[in-house]
Amino acid sequence: MTSRERILCAMALGTPDRVPVTPWGLGRIPEDSELGQRIIRECDPFIGAGIAGGDWFLGTAVKTRTEERDGKTYSVIETPHGDLYSRFQRTEITGAHVEFFCKSADDVHKLLACPYEPPQVDVGAFLARKDQIGEQGMVGAGLTNPGGIPARFLSPTDYNLLWMDDRDTFMELTRVAAERCYPWVEECCRRGVDAWRIIGGEFASTQLGPEGFRATMLDFDRPLVEIMHEHGALAHYHNHGPMGRFLEMLADIGIDSLDPLEGPPWGDTTLAECKRRIGDRVCLLGNLDDMEVIDQVDGETIEQLAEDCILAAGPDGYLLGGTTSGTFTEHAGRNFLRMVEVSKRMAAG
C-alpha cells in the first residue's frame, strides 16, 4: 500500500498492510532536509494545505487596519458602531493573543453588524500541495468550526462569561458563523478539497461541559461533516483535553478520525477505552503527545509505547501518532521513523 492508501484504509476502519505512522506535517523540520524527506517517504504524514481567497467568517466587505499605539501593534476591525481592537504577541518560541476583539456582548453585536460578502474560494494551493505529495501522504485543509468562532474573538474569560450571562448572544454568533461556514466549505469541496482537519471543539469540551459541547459543537458540526461527506471529503477532528464525557458525542458528529486522545495526566481516558467505546465508528489517531512524549523519550521507550498503542487500538481503524498540531522537532522526527519500524515488525508477526 502507498501511504495515502494506508491512511484511507484506516480512516474507513479497515486494516491496512501495517498501522500508518501519521505525524501532522513535518513540525519544525525543513521539508528539503534529509530528515524531512525521510519522514515523507517512510512515514504516512497528514499534511496541511491552505485555501486562499479570504476569511470565510469576516468576508471581504469588512474594513480592517493595523494601528501603532504605545509601541504596540493592534489589529482593528472597523464596525458601524465603533472599532474593535486585538493584539497578538510573539516570543522566540510561540505566540498568543493578549487582547481579543470582543470584550462583551455589545462588542459581539458590533462584530455581527459588520457588512459581509463571502470570499472567493481559491483551492489552487491545496490542489498543488496534494499533487506534490501524491501517494506519500494525506493532504488536508484546516478549518475552525462554527462553534470555535466565539473563542477566536473572545478571551477565555469573556468566552465563559458570555456563555453564562448572555447565551443568546453566544449562540447568535455561532449560528451566524455556521451560516457563513457551510456554503464556503461546500464550495471548497466542489472545487476539489477532499480532506479537512476541523478544530475548535476543545474550547467547549474544556470550558463549557457536555451541555455546551452539544449546543455549540455537536449540533453545528454534524451538518458541517454531512456537507463534507456529500462531496466525498474526509473529516478529521482535532480536540485536546479530557475526553471521557465527550467520546460518544464526537462519534455522533459523524467524523472519520479523531486526535489526540491524550491519556493521563493530560487526558482522562486510555487508548483502549477509546477503542472500546467509539472504535467501531471513528478512526483513532494518537495518543502520544508530540511535545510531551515523542519529543522527549528515547528510542527504546518510543518503540515500547508504539507497540502498546498498536496493541490497544490497532490494527484496524488506527493511526499511530501524536497530535495534529505539528509542534515536534528533529528528535521526535527520528522517533516517528522508529515507530514505522515497530509498525512493520508487528504487521509481519
Protein backbone atom coordinates (compact mmCIF):
# COMPACT_ATOMS: atom_id res chain seq x y z
CA MET A 1 0.00 0.00 0.00
CA THR A 2 1.02 3.61 -0.51
CA SER A 3 0.86 5.96 2.45
CA ARG A 4 -2.33 7.56 1.13
CA GLU A 5 -3.96 4.17 0.62
CA ARG A 6 -2.86 3.13 4.10
CA ILE A 7 -4.41 6.22 5.71
CA LEU A 8 -7.62 5.93 3.69
CA CYS A 9 -7.97 2.30 4.68
CA ALA A 10 -7.53 3.10 8.39
CA MET A 11 -9.95 6.05 8.22
CA ALA A 12 -12.53 3.69 6.67
CA LEU A 13 -11.99 1.47 9.77
CA GLY A 14 -10.22 -1.15 7.68
CA THR A 15 -6.98 -3.00 8.34
CA PRO A 16 -4.10 -1.73 6.18
CA ASP A 17 -0.91 -3.65 5.43
CA ARG A 18 0.53 -2.05 8.56
CA VAL A 19 -0.67 0.59 11.01
CA PRO A 20 0.04 4.02 9.48
CA VAL A 21 2.50 6.23 11.36
CA THR A 22 0.98 9.65 10.92
CA PRO A 23 2.70 12.85 12.03
CA TRP A 24 0.91 16.11 11.27
CA GLY A 25 3.22 17.61 8.69
CA LEU A 26 6.90 17.90 9.47
CA GLY A 27 6.75 20.04 12.59
CA ARG A 28 9.83 22.27 12.73
CA ILE A 29 11.84 20.06 10.39
CA PRO A 30 12.66 21.65 7.00
CA GLU A 31 10.95 19.73 4.23
CA ASP A 32 14.02 19.83 2.00
CA SER A 33 16.29 18.38 4.72
CA GLU A 34 17.34 14.75 4.69
CA LEU A 35 15.22 14.03 7.78
CA GLY A 36 12.20 15.84 6.33
CA GLN A 37 12.38 13.83 3.14
CA ARG A 38 12.74 10.58 5.09
CA ILE A 39 9.61 11.34 7.09
CA ILE A 40 7.64 11.96 3.89
CA ARG A 41 8.97 8.79 2.25
CA GLU A 42 8.85 6.41 5.22
CA CYS A 43 6.03 7.68 7.44
CA ASP A 44 2.42 8.28 6.45
CA PRO A 45 2.05 12.01 7.09
CA PHE A 46 -1.12 14.07 7.24
CA ILE A 47 -0.08 17.42 5.76
CA GLY A 48 -1.91 20.73 5.97
CA ALA A 49 -2.59 22.97 2.98
CA GLY A 50 -4.21 26.37 2.85
CA ILE A 51 -7.18 27.72 0.95
CA ALA A 52 -6.83 31.25 -0.40
CA GLY A 53 -9.46 33.85 -1.15
CA GLY A 54 -10.16 35.39 2.22
CA ASP A 55 -11.53 34.84 5.71
CA TRP A 56 -14.80 32.87 5.47
CA PHE A 57 -16.16 34.40 8.67
CA LEU A 58 -15.23 38.07 8.23
CA GLY A 59 -15.65 38.04 4.46
CA THR A 60 -14.41 40.70 2.09
CA ALA A 61 -16.69 43.68 2.83
CA VAL A 62 -15.41 44.35 6.34
CA LYS A 63 -12.77 47.06 6.79
CA THR A 64 -9.66 46.27 8.85
CA ARG A 65 -6.39 48.04 9.59
CA THR A 66 -3.37 47.92 11.87
CA GLU A 67 -2.60 50.65 14.37
CA GLU A 68 0.54 51.51 16.37
CA ARG A 69 -0.07 52.69 19.91
CA ASP A 70 2.34 52.89 22.87
CA GLY A 71 4.90 50.86 20.93
CA LYS A 72 2.41 48.06 20.33
CA THR A 73 0.71 46.92 17.13
CA TYR A 74 -3.04 46.39 17.17
CA SER A 75 -5.32 44.80 14.62
CA VAL A 76 -8.52 46.77 14.17
CA ILE A 77 -11.93 45.80 12.81
CA GLU A 78 -13.99 48.82 11.79
CA THR A 79 -17.68 48.27 12.60
CA PRO A 80 -20.70 50.57 12.07
CA HIS A 81 -20.83 51.07 15.86
CA GLY A 82 -17.16 51.56 16.69
CA ASP A 83 -13.77 49.91 16.29
CA LEU A 84 -12.74 46.57 17.82
CA TYR A 85 -9.10 46.01 18.82
CA SER A 86 -6.93 42.92 19.13
CA ARG A 87 -3.23 42.37 19.85
CA PHE A 88 -1.08 39.31 19.13
CA GLN A 89 2.28 38.94 20.86
CA ARG A 90 5.14 36.66 19.81
CA THR A 91 8.11 35.22 21.67
CA GLU A 92 11.06 33.24 20.32
CA ILE A 93 9.09 30.04 20.91
CA THR A 94 5.43 30.80 20.28
CA GLY A 95 2.75 33.46 20.02
CA ALA A 96 -0.64 34.21 21.53
CA HIS A 97 -3.44 36.75 21.59
CA VAL A 98 -3.05 39.01 24.63
CA GLU A 99 -6.09 41.11 23.73
CA PHE A 100 -9.18 39.92 21.87
CA PHE A 101 -11.51 41.89 19.61
CA CYS A 102 -14.64 41.33 21.72
CA LYS A 103 -14.75 42.04 25.45
CA SER A 104 -18.53 41.97 25.94
CA ALA A 105 -21.86 41.07 24.36
CA ASP A 106 -22.04 44.62 22.97
CA ASP A 107 -18.76 44.02 21.12
CA VAL A 108 -20.14 40.79 19.66
CA HIS A 109 -23.14 42.70 18.33
CA LYS A 110 -20.76 45.27 16.84
CA LEU A 111 -18.91 42.45 15.11
CA LEU A 112 -22.13 40.96 13.75
CA ALA A 113 -23.20 44.37 12.43
CA CYS A 114 -20.23 44.48 10.03
CA PRO A 115 -21.13 44.22 6.35
CA TYR A 116 -20.50 40.76 4.93
CA GLU A 117 -19.62 39.48 1.49
CA PRO A 118 -18.40 35.86 1.19
CA PRO A 119 -14.82 35.46 -0.01
CA GLN A 120 -13.90 33.88 -3.30
CA VAL A 121 -12.72 30.30 -2.96
CA ASP A 122 -9.24 29.57 -4.31
CA VAL A 123 -8.12 25.97 -3.82
CA GLY A 124 -5.11 26.23 -6.13
CA ALA A 125 -2.57 25.92 -3.32
CA PHE A 126 -4.39 22.93 -1.85
CA LEU A 127 -4.53 21.08 -5.16
CA ALA A 128 -0.89 21.90 -5.89
CA ARG A 129 0.18 20.54 -2.49
CA LYS A 130 -1.92 17.43 -2.99
CA ASP A 131 -0.31 16.87 -6.38
CA GLN A 132 3.16 17.40 -4.87
CA ILE A 133 2.63 14.90 -2.04
CA GLY A 134 0.86 12.39 -4.27
CA GLU A 135 0.68 8.93 -2.71
CA GLN A 136 3.20 9.77 0.01
CA GLY A 137 0.56 11.04 2.44
CA MET A 138 -2.78 12.73 3.00
CA VAL A 139 -3.28 16.46 2.44
CA GLY A 140 -5.99 18.25 4.42
CA ALA A 141 -7.31 21.78 4.73
CA GLY A 142 -7.59 23.37 8.16
CA LEU A 143 -10.96 24.67 9.35
CA THR A 144 -12.12 26.37 12.54
CA ASN A 145 -15.65 25.13 13.08
CA PRO A 146 -18.61 27.49 13.72
CA GLY A 147 -18.53 26.74 17.45
CA GLY A 148 -14.89 27.78 17.56
CA ILE A 149 -15.59 31.30 16.28
CA PRO A 150 -16.59 32.74 19.71
CA ALA A 151 -13.21 31.63 21.08
CA ARG A 152 -11.49 33.39 18.19
CA PHE A 153 -12.96 36.77 19.14
CA LEU A 154 -13.33 36.45 22.94
CA SER A 155 -10.69 35.79 25.60
CA PRO A 156 -11.14 32.55 27.57
CA THR A 157 -12.59 34.53 30.48
CA ASP A 158 -15.01 36.53 28.33
CA TYR A 159 -15.91 33.39 26.36
CA ASN A 160 -17.09 31.72 29.57
CA LEU A 161 -18.80 34.83 30.90
CA LEU A 162 -20.74 35.31 27.68
CA TRP A 163 -21.88 31.67 27.78
CA MET A 164 -23.11 32.08 31.36
CA ASP A 165 -24.50 35.62 31.20
CA ASP A 166 -25.80 36.06 27.64
CA ARG A 167 -26.22 32.68 25.99
CA ASP A 168 -28.48 34.11 23.29
CA THR A 169 -25.68 36.34 22.02
CA PHE A 170 -23.18 33.48 22.21
CA MET A 171 -25.46 31.26 20.16
CA GLU A 172 -26.25 34.03 17.69
CA LEU A 173 -22.54 34.38 16.93
CA THR A 174 -22.27 30.61 16.46
CA ARG A 175 -25.35 30.48 14.20
CA VAL A 176 -24.06 33.31 12.01
CA ALA A 177 -20.71 31.53 11.79
CA ALA A 178 -22.47 28.35 10.63
CA GLU A 179 -24.48 30.25 8.01
CA ARG A 180 -21.21 31.56 6.57
CA CYS A 181 -19.16 28.40 7.01
CA TYR A 182 -21.41 25.81 5.39
CA PRO A 183 -21.60 27.31 1.86
CA TRP A 184 -17.88 28.10 1.92
CA VAL A 185 -16.98 24.52 2.83
CA GLU A 186 -19.38 23.18 0.21
CA GLU A 187 -17.76 25.32 -2.48
CA CYS A 188 -14.29 24.19 -1.40
CA CYS A 189 -15.38 20.57 -1.64
CA ARG A 190 -16.88 21.15 -5.07
CA ARG A 191 -13.55 22.53 -6.21
CA GLY A 192 -11.56 19.52 -5.03
CA VAL A 193 -10.83 19.74 -1.29
CA ASP A 194 -11.22 16.13 -0.20
CA ALA A 195 -9.94 16.12 3.40
CA TRP A 196 -10.36 18.51 6.34
CA ARG A 197 -8.84 18.98 9.78
CA ILE A 198 -11.50 20.56 11.98
CA ILE A 199 -10.51 22.48 15.10
CA GLY A 200 -12.50 24.34 17.74
CA GLY A 201 -14.18 21.56 19.72
CA GLU A 202 -11.77 21.74 22.63
CA PHE A 203 -12.94 25.22 23.59
CA ALA A 204 -16.32 23.80 24.52
CA SER A 205 -15.15 20.44 25.86
CA THR A 206 -12.66 22.04 28.26
CA GLN A 207 -14.78 25.05 29.28
CA LEU A 208 -18.50 24.56 28.66
CA GLY A 209 -19.06 20.92 29.61
CA PRO A 210 -21.33 18.39 27.87
CA GLU A 211 -24.34 20.73 27.58
CA GLY A 212 -22.21 23.41 25.96
CA PHE A 213 -20.44 20.96 23.71
CA ARG A 214 -23.73 19.59 22.43
CA ALA A 215 -25.18 23.05 21.79
CA THR A 216 -22.14 24.71 20.20
CA MET A 217 -20.29 21.79 18.60
CA LEU A 218 -22.36 18.65 18.01
CA ASP A 219 -25.44 20.47 16.71
CA PHE A 220 -23.40 22.58 14.28
CA ASP A 221 -20.61 20.17 13.35
CA ARG A 222 -22.90 17.31 12.34
CA PRO A 223 -24.35 19.21 9.34
CA LEU A 224 -20.85 20.50 8.57
CA VAL A 225 -19.48 16.96 8.32
CA GLU A 226 -22.54 15.90 6.31
CA ILE A 227 -21.64 18.53 3.71
CA MET A 228 -18.10 17.16 3.52
CA HIS A 229 -19.32 13.60 3.17
CA GLU A 230 -21.85 14.54 0.48
CA HIS A 231 -18.87 15.55 -1.65
CA GLY A 232 -16.73 12.54 -0.73
CA ALA A 233 -14.42 14.52 1.57
CA LEU A 234 -13.00 13.18 4.82
CA ALA A 235 -13.44 14.92 8.17
CA HIS A 236 -10.68 14.68 10.79
CA TYR A 237 -11.41 16.24 14.20
CA HIS A 238 -8.74 17.71 16.50
CA ASN A 239 -9.78 18.04 20.15
CA HIS A 240 -7.33 18.32 23.05
CA GLY A 241 -8.12 17.68 26.69
CA PRO A 242 -10.07 15.21 28.84
CA MET A 243 -12.49 13.40 26.53
CA GLY A 244 -14.21 10.89 28.80
CA ARG A 245 -17.52 12.77 28.80
CA PHE A 246 -17.47 13.55 25.08
CA LEU A 247 -16.39 10.47 23.12
CA GLU A 248 -19.88 9.38 22.09
CA MET A 249 -20.90 12.92 21.16
CA LEU A 250 -17.81 13.21 18.99
CA ALA A 251 -18.70 9.97 17.25
CA ASP A 252 -22.25 11.27 16.79
CA ILE A 253 -20.86 14.17 14.75
CA GLY A 254 -20.00 11.61 12.09
CA ILE A 255 -16.29 12.38 11.84
CA ASP A 256 -13.92 9.95 10.16
CA SER A 257 -10.99 10.29 12.56
CA LEU A 258 -10.12 11.93 15.87
CA ASP A 259 -7.00 13.05 17.72
CA PRO A 260 -5.12 13.33 20.07
CA LEU A 261 -6.88 11.18 22.71
CA GLU A 262 -4.42 12.07 25.44
CA GLY A 263 -4.03 9.70 28.33
CA PRO A 264 -3.40 10.85 31.92
CA PRO A 265 -2.17 13.31 33.09
CA TRP A 266 -3.28 15.41 30.08
CA GLY A 267 -6.46 13.49 29.38
CA ASP A 268 -8.72 11.12 31.27
CA THR A 269 -9.13 8.08 29.02
CA THR A 270 -6.88 5.31 27.81
CA LEU A 271 -6.48 4.44 24.17
CA ALA A 272 -8.02 1.03 24.85
CA GLU A 273 -11.10 2.66 26.37
CA CYS A 274 -11.47 4.97 23.37
CA LYS A 275 -11.24 1.97 21.06
CA ARG A 276 -13.86 0.08 23.05
CA ARG A 277 -16.31 2.96 23.16
CA ILE A 278 -16.11 4.51 19.68
CA GLY A 279 -13.56 2.50 17.71
CA ASP A 280 -16.30 0.93 15.61
CA ARG A 281 -17.38 4.38 14.41
CA VAL A 282 -14.27 6.58 14.36
CA CYS A 283 -10.66 6.01 13.33
CA LEU A 284 -8.44 6.94 16.27
CA LEU A 285 -5.19 8.92 15.99
CA GLY A 286 -2.86 9.17 18.97
CA ASN A 287 -2.19 9.13 21.85
CA LEU A 288 1.50 10.08 22.05
CA ASP A 289 1.76 13.83 22.51
CA ASP A 290 4.25 15.43 20.10
CA MET A 291 5.98 17.68 22.62
CA GLU A 292 5.48 15.86 25.92
CA VAL A 293 6.17 12.31 24.74
CA ILE A 294 7.53 11.82 21.21
CA ASP A 295 9.90 14.78 21.51
CA GLN A 296 11.12 13.73 24.97
CA VAL A 297 11.61 9.97 25.28
CA ASP A 298 14.48 7.86 23.97
CA GLY A 299 14.26 5.44 21.07
CA GLU A 300 13.77 2.33 23.16
CA THR A 301 10.92 3.93 25.09
CA ILE A 302 9.12 5.19 21.99
CA GLU A 303 9.29 1.73 20.45
CA GLN A 304 7.62 0.22 23.52
CA LEU A 305 4.99 2.96 23.59
CA ALA A 306 4.28 2.47 19.89
CA GLU A 307 3.82 -1.25 20.40
CA ASP A 308 1.47 -0.63 23.32
CA CYS A 309 -0.63 1.77 21.23
CA ILE A 310 -0.95 -0.66 18.33
CA LEU A 311 -1.99 -3.44 20.69
CA ALA A 312 -4.57 -1.15 22.32
CA ALA A 313 -6.13 0.38 19.20
CA GLY A 314 -4.92 -1.46 16.09
CA PRO A 315 -4.52 -2.96 13.67
CA ASP A 316 -7.81 -1.66 12.20
CA GLY A 317 -9.09 1.91 12.32
CA TYR A 318 -5.99 3.35 13.94
CA LEU A 319 -3.33 5.92 13.01
CA LEU A 320 -0.22 5.79 15.21
CA GLY A 321 0.99 9.26 16.04
CA GLY A 322 0.85 12.23 18.34
CA THR A 323 -1.32 15.29 17.79
CA THR A 324 -2.28 17.09 14.60
CA SER A 325 -0.51 20.19 15.91
CA GLY A 326 2.84 19.77 14.18
CA THR A 327 4.92 21.09 17.07
CA PHE A 328 7.69 18.50 17.06
CA THR A 329 11.43 18.85 16.44
CA GLU A 330 14.15 16.60 14.97
CA HIS A 331 14.21 14.29 17.98
CA ALA A 332 10.54 13.48 17.51
CA GLY A 333 11.07 13.16 13.77
CA ARG A 334 13.56 10.36 14.36
CA ASN A 335 11.19 8.76 16.84
CA PHE A 336 8.43 8.76 14.21
CA LEU A 337 10.81 6.80 11.97
CA ARG A 338 11.39 4.33 14.80
CA MET A 339 7.64 3.87 15.11
CA VAL A 340 7.50 2.92 11.45
CA GLU A 341 9.88 0.05 12.15
CA VAL A 342 7.66 -1.08 15.05
CA SER A 343 4.60 -0.96 12.82
CA LYS A 344 6.33 -3.02 10.13
CA ARG A 345 7.61 -5.56 12.64
CA MET A 346 4.20 -6.06 14.23
CA ALA A 347 2.48 -6.38 10.85
CA ALA A 348 4.98 -9.07 9.89
CA GLY A 349 4.05 -11.01 13.01
